Amino acid sequence: MYAEERQQAIAQLVSDRGRLSVAAIAEQFGVTTETVRRDLSTLERMGLVRRLHGGAVPASSLAVIESGLGERDQANTAQKELIAKAALEELPPPGGMVLVDAGSTTGRFAAMLPRDLRLTVITHAVPIAARLVGFPSVELHLLPGRVRATTQAAVGADTVGALSRLRVDLVLLGTNGITPGHGLSTPDHEEAAAKRAMLQAARRVICLSDSSKFGTETAVRFAALDEIDVLITDSGISDEDRAAVEDAGVEVVIA
């Protein structure tokens, strides 16, 4: 079989099955894993597959539609409640500074903050700021920027610029997708830039993500796995996904 014929057959097989590992493809076609990786690179450049850690999926499986905050808030609610509660254990001592990303799980975390705990909380999310504005012990700062309707969060050059001047104890990040190869991702470039700036502003980085986000890749990566310190998720995470995260040096907390 010529290389072009093999590559066409690989693309069709990946399309039919939805996801294939490098090892499975090598066995199917009787070639080395190095040959398969070269074939997958060629197919990815042609826009026929999307390479993942250890395999490939159809290019069409790349998530490009971003659901609104209200829709996300109704999904996996029990898991998000547990994750938000577990995140309270990661708070800095009284007087610390916490940066809170936009999102349905981070919003639950904000609502659970003890009302008597003295903290400085910085956020770009309008709903989170609205929840915390009445907390007597919270010194609240709302970041500047253009507010996106989808996430109800400030983004843009003003947001990133303000974040670049900060140094906080802890950031709590949300994500739209997690894979070992693509890392943490989100569909929007400006949203990704804000998340990236938050990560760089913090001494300690915690990602709050329910297990449904694993295996999903959205358009823009804002962090590699090894750039976060702790992942808080639920018991639905697979052993394979947990091992991949821990192999990157990340502490995994099951809520």
C-alpha atoms as a PDB file:
ATOM      1  CA  MET A   1       0.000   0.000   0.000  1.00  0.00           C
ATOM      2  CA  TYR A   2       1.356   3.412  -0.978  1.00  0.00           C
ATOM      3  CA  ALA A   3       1.595   6.116   1.698  1.00  0.00           C
ATOM      4  CA  GLU A   4      -1.198   8.160   0.110  1.00  0.00           C
ATOM      5  CA  GLU A   5      -3.506   5.146   0.058  1.00  0.00           C
ATOM      6  CA  ARG A   6      -2.696   4.312   3.672  1.00  0.00           C
ATOM      7  CA  GLN A   7      -3.313   7.888   4.772  1.00  0.00           C
ATOM      8  CA  GLN A   8      -6.664   7.954   3.001  1.00  0.00           C
ATOM      9  CA  ALA A   9      -7.612   4.678   4.683  1.00  0.00           C
ATOM     10  CA  ILE A  10      -6.509   6.005   8.098  1.00  0.00           C
ATOM     11  CA  ALA A  11      -8.609   9.148   7.649  1.00  0.00           C
ATOM     12  CA  GLN A  12     -11.649   7.043   6.755  1.00  0.00           C
ATOM     13  CA  LEU A  13     -11.113   4.719   9.717  1.00  0.00           C
ATOM     14  CA  VAL A  14     -10.772   7.618  12.163  1.00  0.00           C
ATOM     15  CA  SER A  15     -13.946   9.153  10.712  1.00  0.00           C
ATOM     16  CA  ASP A  16     -15.849   5.867  11.070  1.00  0.00           C
ATOM     17  CA  ARG A  17     -14.732   5.070  14.617  1.00  0.00           C
ATOM     18  CA  GLY A  18     -14.534   8.584  16.063  1.00  0.00           C
ATOM     19  CA  ARG A  19     -11.197   8.078  17.827  1.00  0.00           C
ATOM     20  CA  LEU A  20      -8.192   5.810  17.261  1.00  0.00           C
ATOM     21  CA  SER A  21      -4.899   5.379  19.066  1.00  0.00           C
ATOM     22  CA  VAL A  22      -1.536   5.403  17.304  1.00  0.00           C
ATOM     23  CA  ALA A  23      -0.943   1.838  18.441  1.00  0.00           C
ATOM     24  CA  ALA A  24      -4.256   0.620  17.017  1.00  0.00           C
ATOM     25  CA  ILE A  25      -3.578   2.263  13.667  1.00  0.00           C
ATOM     26  CA  ALA A  26      -0.070   0.785  13.531  1.00  0.00           C
ATOM     27  CA  GLU A  27      -1.469  -2.690  14.186  1.00  0.00           C
ATOM     28  CA  GLN A  28      -4.268  -2.257  11.660  1.00  0.00           C
ATOM     29  CA  PHE A  29      -1.926  -1.280   8.815  1.00  0.00           C
ATOM     30  CA  GLY A  30       1.184  -3.225   9.823  1.00  0.00           C
ATOM     31  CA  VAL A  31       3.451  -0.181  10.114  1.00  0.00           C
ATOM     32  CA  THR A  32       5.501   1.386  12.897  1.00  0.00           C
ATOM     33  CA  THR A  33       4.111   3.950  15.309  1.00  0.00           C
ATOM     34  CA  GLU A  34       6.600   6.473  13.890  1.00  0.00           C
ATOM     35  CA  THR A  35       5.055   5.993  10.432  1.00  0.00           C
ATOM     36  CA  VAL A  36       1.582   6.463  11.883  1.00  0.00           C
ATOM     37  CA  ARG A  37       2.594   9.701  13.572  1.00  0.00           C
ATOM     38  CA  ARG A  38       3.970  11.016  10.276  1.00  0.00           C
ATOM     39  CA  ASP A  39       0.748  10.005   8.526  1.00  0.00           C
ATOM     40  CA  LEU A  40      -1.347  11.735  11.166  1.00  0.00           C
ATOM     41  CA  SER A  41       0.740  14.900  10.864  1.00  0.00           C
ATOM     42  CA  THR A  42       0.122  14.868   7.115  1.00  0.00           C
ATOM     43  CA  LEU A  43      -3.600  14.292   7.581  1.00  0.00           C
ATOM     44  CA  GLU A  44      -3.832  17.055  10.181  1.00  0.00           C
ATOM     45  CA  ARG A  45      -2.191  19.528   7.783  1.00  0.00           C
ATOM     46  CA  MET A  46      -4.790  18.503   5.221  1.00  0.00           C
ATOM     47  CA  GLY A  47      -7.546  19.195   7.746  1.00  0.00           C
ATOM     48  CA  LEU A  48      -8.807  15.599   7.782  1.00  0.00           C
ATOM     49  CA  VAL A  49      -7.989  14.625  11.384  1.00  0.00           C
ATOM     50  CA  ARG A  50      -7.132  16.278  14.656  1.00  0.00           C
ATOM     51  CA  ARG A  51      -4.178  14.801  16.528  1.00  0.00           C
ATOM     52  CA  LEU A  52      -4.572  14.095  20.221  1.00  0.00           C
ATOM     53  CA  HIS A  53      -2.207  12.654  22.809  1.00  0.00           C
ATOM     54  CA  GLY A  54      -1.558   9.125  21.554  1.00  0.00           C
ATOM     55  CA  GLY A  55      -4.032   9.145  18.679  1.00  0.00           C
ATOM     56  CA  ALA A  56      -6.436  11.111  16.505  1.00  0.00           C
ATOM     57  CA  VAL A  57     -10.077  12.143  16.130  1.00  0.00           C
ATOM     58  CA  PRO A  58     -11.968  13.478  13.096  1.00  0.00           C
ATOM     59  CA  ALA A  59     -11.301  17.154  12.444  1.00  0.00           C
ATOM     60  CA  SER A  60     -15.038  17.775  12.661  1.00  0.00           C
ATOM     61  CA  SER A  61     -15.037  16.711  16.321  1.00  0.00           C
ATOM     62  CA  LEU A  62     -13.187  19.863  17.350  1.00  0.00           C
ATOM     63  CA  ALA A  63     -15.694  21.808  19.423  1.00  0.00           C
ATOM     64  CA  VAL A  64     -16.307  25.278  18.008  1.00  0.00           C
ATOM     65  CA  ILE A  65     -19.693  26.239  19.481  1.00  0.00           C
ATOM     66  CA  GLU A  66     -19.525  27.986  22.835  1.00  0.00           C
ATOM     67  CA  SER A  67     -22.529  27.501  25.059  1.00  0.00           C
ATOM     68  CA  GLY A  68     -23.815  30.420  27.075  1.00  0.00           C
ATOM     69  CA  LEU A  69     -23.374  30.762  30.832  1.00  0.00           C
ATOM     70  CA  GLY A  70     -27.023  30.011  31.551  1.00  0.00           C
ATOM     71  CA  GLU A  71     -26.913  26.780  29.555  1.00  0.00           C
ATOM     72  CA  ARG A  72     -23.667  25.662  31.221  1.00  0.00           C
ATOM     73  CA  ASP A  73     -25.039  26.503  34.654  1.00  0.00           C
ATOM     74  CA  GLN A  74     -27.755  23.873  34.188  1.00  0.00           C
ATOM     75  CA  ALA A  75     -25.328  21.075  33.227  1.00  0.00           C
ATOM     76  CA  ASN A  76     -23.708  18.678  35.747  1.00  0.00           C
ATOM     77  CA  THR A  77     -24.978  20.751  38.648  1.00  0.00           C
ATOM     78  CA  ALA A  78     -24.352  18.178  41.395  1.00  0.00           C
ATOM     79  CA  GLN A  79     -20.739  17.692  40.319  1.00  0.00           C
ATOM     80  CA  LYS A  80     -20.149  21.438  40.132  1.00  0.00           C
ATOM     81  CA  GLU A  81     -21.504  21.939  43.638  1.00  0.00           C
ATOM     82  CA  LEU A  82     -19.078  19.334  45.001  1.00  0.00           C
ATOM     83  CA  ILE A  83     -16.145  20.816  43.080  1.00  0.00           C
ATOM     84  CA  ALA A  84     -16.916  24.334  44.303  1.00  0.00           C
ATOM     85  CA  LYS A  85     -17.135  23.114  47.891  1.00  0.00           C
ATOM     86  CA  ALA A  86     -13.796  21.307  47.607  1.00  0.00           C
ATOM     87  CA  ALA A  87     -12.197  24.485  46.266  1.00  0.00           C
ATOM     88  CA  LEU A  88     -12.949  26.254  49.551  1.00  0.00           C
ATOM     89  CA  GLU A  89     -10.254  24.078  51.147  1.00  0.00           C
ATOM     90  CA  GLU A  90      -7.677  25.739  48.885  1.00  0.00           C
ATOM     91  CA  LEU A  91      -8.320  29.309  50.021  1.00  0.00           C
ATOM     92  CA  PRO A  92      -5.369  31.364  51.297  1.00  0.00           C
ATOM     93  CA  PRO A  93      -5.285  32.613  54.911  1.00  0.00           C
ATOM     94  CA  PRO A  94      -7.368  35.657  55.886  1.00  0.00           C
ATOM     95  CA  GLY A  95      -6.124  38.753  54.105  1.00  0.00           C
ATOM     96  CA  GLY A  96      -5.146  36.822  50.971  1.00  0.00           C
ATOM     97  CA  MET A  97      -5.888  37.752  47.367  1.00  0.00           C
ATOM     98  CA  VAL A  98      -7.912  35.475  45.085  1.00  0.00           C
ATOM     99  CA  LEU A  99      -8.536  35.851  41.367  1.00  0.00           C
ATOM    100  CA  VAL A 100     -11.756  34.209  40.157  1.00  0.00           C
ATOM    101  CA  ASP A 101     -12.373  33.341  36.512  1.00  0.00           C
ATOM    102  CA  ALA A 102     -15.800  33.448  34.861  1.00  0.00           C
ATOM    103  CA  GLY A 103     -17.807  30.241  34.719  1.00  0.00           C
ATOM    104  CA  SER A 104     -20.624  28.231  36.219  1.00  0.00           C
ATOM    105  CA  THR A 105     -18.434  26.285  38.678  1.00  0.00           C
ATOM    106  CA  THR A 106     -16.405  29.314  39.747  1.00  0.00           C
ATOM    107  CA  GLY A 107     -19.709  31.130  40.245  1.00  0.00           C
ATOM    108  CA  ARG A 108     -20.817  28.436  42.668  1.00  0.00           C
ATOM    109  CA  PHE A 109     -17.497  28.738  44.474  1.00  0.00           C
ATOM    110  CA  ALA A 110     -18.013  32.484  44.903  1.00  0.00           C
ATOM    111  CA  ALA A 111     -21.490  31.945  46.333  1.00  0.00           C
ATOM    112  CA  MET A 112     -20.066  29.502  48.910  1.00  0.00           C
ATOM    113  CA  LEU A 113     -17.382  31.840  50.261  1.00  0.00           C
ATOM    114  CA  PRO A 114     -17.683  32.311  54.022  1.00  0.00           C
ATOM    115  CA  ARG A 115     -19.169  35.750  54.606  1.00  0.00           C
ATOM    116  CA  ASP A 116     -16.847  36.396  57.550  1.00  0.00           C
ATOM    117  CA  LEU A 117     -13.582  35.491  55.783  1.00  0.00           C
ATOM    118  CA  ARG A 118     -11.460  38.552  55.032  1.00  0.00           C
ATOM    119  CA  LEU A 119     -10.296  38.309  51.418  1.00  0.00           C
ATOM    120  CA  THR A 120      -9.533  40.454  48.433  1.00  0.00           C
ATOM    121  CA  VAL A 121     -11.351  38.983  45.431  1.00  0.00           C
ATOM    122  CA  ILE A 122     -10.612  40.099  41.881  1.00  0.00           C
ATOM    123  CA  THR A 123     -12.755  38.966  38.974  1.00  0.00           C
ATOM    124  CA  HIS A 124     -13.656  39.854  35.402  1.00  0.00           C
ATOM    125  CA  ALA A 125     -17.034  38.104  35.687  1.00  0.00           C
ATOM    126  CA  VAL A 126     -20.038  40.369  36.210  1.00  0.00           C
ATOM    127  CA  PRO A 127     -22.240  37.633  37.800  1.00  0.00           C
ATOM    128  CA  ILE A 128     -19.508  36.737  40.291  1.00  0.00           C
ATOM    129  CA  ALA A 129     -18.987  40.390  41.221  1.00  0.00           C
ATOM    130  CA  ALA A 130     -22.754  40.763  41.693  1.00  0.00           C
ATOM    131  CA  ARG A 131     -22.784  37.791  44.078  1.00  0.00           C
ATOM    132  CA  LEU A 132     -19.895  39.095  46.184  1.00  0.00           C
ATOM    133  CA  VAL A 133     -20.687  42.787  46.333  1.00  0.00           C
ATOM    134  CA  GLY A 134     -22.729  42.312  49.519  1.00  0.00           C
ATOM    135  CA  PHE A 135     -20.127  40.203  51.349  1.00  0.00           C
ATOM    136  CA  PRO A 136     -18.937  42.438  54.226  1.00  0.00           C
ATOM    137  CA  SER A 137     -15.481  40.871  54.565  1.00  0.00           C
ATOM    138  CA  VAL A 138     -14.661  40.785  50.841  1.00  0.00           C
ATOM    139  CA  GLU A 139     -12.755  43.625  49.219  1.00  0.00           C
ATOM    140  CA  LEU A 140     -14.059  43.268  45.684  1.00  0.00           C
ATOM    141  CA  HIS A 141     -12.331  44.429  42.489  1.00  0.00           C
ATOM    142  CA  LEU A 142     -13.989  44.141  39.067  1.00  0.00           C
ATOM    143  CA  LEU A 143     -11.570  44.143  36.139  1.00  0.00           C
ATOM    144  CA  PRO A 144     -12.116  46.530  33.217  1.00  0.00           C
ATOM    145  CA  GLY A 145     -12.847  45.505  29.632  1.00  0.00           C
ATOM    146  CA  ARG A 146     -15.555  44.715  27.109  1.00  0.00           C
ATOM    147  CA  VAL A 147     -18.168  42.378  28.554  1.00  0.00           C
ATOM    148  CA  ARG A 148     -18.929  39.349  26.348  1.00  0.00           C
ATOM    149  CA  ALA A 149     -22.591  38.396  26.315  1.00  0.00           C
ATOM    150  CA  THR A 150     -21.807  34.654  26.169  1.00  0.00           C
ATOM    151  CA  THR A 151     -19.776  34.475  29.386  1.00  0.00           C
ATOM    152  CA  GLN A 152     -20.764  37.818  30.948  1.00  0.00           C
ATOM    153  CA  ALA A 153     -17.058  38.462  31.537  1.00  0.00           C
ATOM    154  CA  ALA A 154     -14.742  41.341  30.663  1.00  0.00           C
ATOM    155  CA  VAL A 155     -12.147  40.641  27.973  1.00  0.00           C
ATOM    156  CA  GLY A 156      -9.789  42.577  25.752  1.00  0.00           C
ATOM    157  CA  ALA A 157      -6.659  44.682  26.053  1.00  0.00           C
ATOM    158  CA  ASP A 158      -7.844  46.573  29.151  1.00  0.00           C
ATOM    159  CA  THR A 159      -8.552  43.306  30.975  1.00  0.00           C
ATOM    160  CA  VAL A 160      -5.217  41.740  30.057  1.00  0.00           C
ATOM    161  CA  GLY A 161      -3.364  44.973  30.880  1.00  0.00           C
ATOM    162  CA  ALA A 162      -4.904  45.189  34.337  1.00  0.00           C
ATOM    163  CA  LEU A 163      -4.074  41.542  35.022  1.00  0.00           C
ATOM    164  CA  SER A 164      -0.456  42.010  33.943  1.00  0.00           C
ATOM    165  CA  ARG A 165       0.054  44.382  36.885  1.00  0.00           C
ATOM    166  CA  LEU A 166      -1.294  41.965  39.494  1.00  0.00           C
ATOM    167  CA  ARG A 167       0.248  39.302  41.713  1.00  0.00           C
ATOM    168  CA  VAL A 168      -2.271  37.243  43.684  1.00  0.00           C
ATOM    169  CA  ASP A 169      -2.099  34.237  45.983  1.00  0.00           C
ATOM    170  CA  LEU A 170      -4.496  32.046  44.053  1.00  0.00           C
ATOM    171  CA  VAL A 171      -6.415  31.886  40.785  1.00  0.00           C
ATOM    172  CA  LEU A 172      -9.438  29.666  40.222  1.00  0.00           C
ATOM    173  CA  LEU A 173      -9.806  28.937  36.517  1.00  0.00           C
ATOM    174  CA  GLY A 174     -12.587  27.379  34.519  1.00  0.00           C
ATOM    175  CA  THR A 175     -12.130  25.648  31.175  1.00  0.00           C
ATOM    176  CA  ASN A 176     -14.232  24.455  28.236  1.00  0.00           C
ATOM    177  CA  GLY A 177     -12.042  21.456  27.484  1.00  0.00           C
ATOM    178  CA  ILE A 178      -9.060  19.425  28.705  1.00  0.00           C
ATOM    179  CA  THR A 179      -6.831  16.987  26.846  1.00  0.00           C
ATOM    180  CA  PRO A 180      -3.201  15.994  27.474  1.00  0.00           C
ATOM    181  CA  GLY A 181      -2.087  17.188  24.046  1.00  0.00           C
ATOM    182  CA  HIS A 182      -4.045  20.445  23.743  1.00  0.00           C
ATOM    183  CA  GLY A 183      -4.160  21.287  27.437  1.00  0.00           C
ATOM    184  CA  LEU A 184      -6.872  23.635  28.736  1.00  0.00           C
ATOM    185  CA  SER A 185      -8.838  25.394  26.031  1.00  0.00           C
ATOM    186  CA  THR A 186     -11.715  27.737  25.264  1.00  0.00           C
ATOM    187  CA  PRO A 187     -13.432  28.679  21.985  1.00  0.00           C
ATOM    188  CA  ASP A 188     -12.760  32.435  22.104  1.00  0.00           C
ATOM    189  CA  HIS A 189      -9.371  34.122  21.542  1.00  0.00           C
ATOM    190  CA  GLU A 190     -10.054  37.052  23.869  1.00  0.00           C
ATOM    191  CA  GLU A 191     -11.388  34.774  26.590  1.00  0.00           C
ATOM    192  CA  ALA A 192      -8.240  32.666  26.258  1.00  0.00           C
ATOM    193  CA  ALA A 193      -6.033  35.759  26.548  1.00  0.00           C
ATOM    194  CA  ALA A 194      -7.776  36.773  29.782  1.00  0.00           C
ATOM    195  CA  LYS A 195      -7.416  33.281  31.242  1.00  0.00           C
ATOM    196  CA  ARG A 196      -3.765  33.190  30.250  1.00  0.00           C
ATOM    197  CA  ALA A 197      -3.147  36.540  31.962  1.00  0.00           C
ATOM    198  CA  MET A 198      -4.901  35.279  35.104  1.00  0.00           C
ATOM    199  CA  LEU A 199      -2.695  32.209  35.196  1.00  0.00           C
ATOM    200  CA  GLN A 200       0.434  34.339  34.892  1.00  0.00           C
ATOM    201  CA  ALA A 201      -0.704  36.651  37.706  1.00  0.00           C
ATOM    202  CA  ALA A 202      -1.056  33.912  40.330  1.00  0.00           C
ATOM    203  CA  ARG A 203       1.360  32.130  42.632  1.00  0.00           C
ATOM    204  CA  ARG A 204      -0.936  29.086  42.714  1.00  0.00           C
ATOM    205  CA  VAL A 205      -3.207  27.939  39.885  1.00  0.00           C
ATOM    206  CA  ILE A 206      -6.273  25.761  40.447  1.00  0.00           C
ATOM    207  CA  CYS A 207      -8.574  24.543  37.700  1.00  0.00           C
ATOM    208  CA  LEU A 208     -12.181  23.693  38.534  1.00  0.00           C
ATOM    209  CA  SER A 209     -13.605  21.322  35.951  1.00  0.00           C
ATOM    210  CA  ASP A 210     -16.234  18.607  35.963  1.00  0.00           C
ATOM    211  CA  SER A 211     -15.233  15.367  34.259  1.00  0.00           C
ATOM    212  CA  SER A 212     -17.384  16.008  31.171  1.00  0.00           C
ATOM    213  CA  LYS A 213     -14.737  18.467  29.942  1.00  0.00           C
ATOM    214  CA  PHE A 214     -12.113  15.735  29.506  1.00  0.00           C
ATOM    215  CA  GLY A 215     -11.478  14.677  25.926  1.00  0.00           C
ATOM    216  CA  THR A 216     -12.856  17.962  24.578  1.00  0.00           C
ATOM    217  CA  GLU A 217     -10.641  20.313  22.584  1.00  0.00           C
ATOM    218  CA  THR A 218     -11.826  23.811  21.788  1.00  0.00           C
ATOM    219  CA  ALA A 219     -10.161  26.267  19.466  1.00  0.00           C
ATOM    220  CA  VAL A 220      -7.704  28.163  21.681  1.00  0.00           C
ATOM    221  CA  ARG A 221      -5.355  26.700  24.283  1.00  0.00           C
ATOM    222  CA  PHE A 222      -4.667  28.969  27.246  1.00  0.00           C
ATOM    223  CA  ALA A 223      -2.614  26.579  29.394  1.00  0.00           C
ATOM    224  CA  ALA A 224      -0.696  23.348  29.164  1.00  0.00           C
ATOM    225  CA  LEU A 225      -1.480  20.777  31.834  1.00  0.00           C
ATOM    226  CA  ASP A 226       1.837  21.315  33.607  1.00  0.00           C
ATOM    227  CA  GLU A 227       1.046  25.018  34.082  1.00  0.00           C
ATOM    228  CA  ILE A 228      -1.631  24.323  36.673  1.00  0.00           C
ATOM    229  CA  ASP A 229      -0.962  23.204  40.234  1.00  0.00           C
ATOM    230  CA  VAL A 230      -4.238  21.547  41.185  1.00  0.00           C
ATOM    231  CA  LEU A 231      -7.190  20.127  39.273  1.00  0.00           C
ATOM    232  CA  ILE A 232     -10.436  19.727  41.204  1.00  0.00           C
ATOM    233  CA  THR A 233     -12.892  17.456  39.421  1.00  0.00           C
ATOM    234  CA  ASP A 234     -15.487  14.779  40.138  1.00  0.00           C
ATOM    235  CA  SER A 235     -15.425  11.007  40.391  1.00  0.00           C
ATOM    236  CA  GLY A 236     -16.438  10.621  36.741  1.00  0.00           C
ATOM    237  CA  ILE A 237     -12.854  11.212  35.594  1.00  0.00           C
ATOM    238  CA  SER A 238     -11.401   8.095  33.973  1.00  0.00           C
ATOM    239  CA  ASP A 239      -8.280   6.407  35.331  1.00  0.00           C
ATOM    240  CA  GLU A 240      -6.533   7.198  32.037  1.00  0.00           C
ATOM    241  CA  ASP A 241      -7.344  10.904  32.193  1.00  0.00           C
ATOM    242  CA  ARG A 242      -6.374  11.146  35.848  1.00  0.00           C
ATOM    243  CA  ALA A 243      -3.043   9.438  35.144  1.00  0.00           C
ATOM    244  CA  ALA A 244      -2.340  11.846  32.277  1.00  0.00           C
ATOM    245  CA  VAL A 245      -2.979  14.861  34.500  1.00  0.00           C
ATOM    246  CA  GLU A 246      -0.890  13.495  37.357  1.00  0.00           C
ATOM    247  CA  ASP A 247       1.920  12.605  34.946  1.00  0.00           C
ATOM    248  CA  ALA A 248       2.073  16.330  34.127  1.00  0.00           C
ATOM    249  CA  GLY A 249       2.854  17.018  37.806  1.00  0.00           C
ATOM    250  CA  VAL A 250      -0.646  18.226  38.701  1.00  0.00           C
ATOM    251  CA  GLU A 251      -2.356  17.333  41.966  1.00  0.00           C
ATOM    252  CA  VAL A 252      -5.803  15.861  41.281  1.00  0.00           C
ATOM    253  CA  VAL A 253      -8.518  16.388  43.906  1.00  0.00           C
ATOM    254  CA  ILE A 254     -11.694  14.330  43.530  1.00  0.00           C
ATOM    255  CA  ALA A 255     -14.643  16.201  45.011  1.00  0.00           C
END
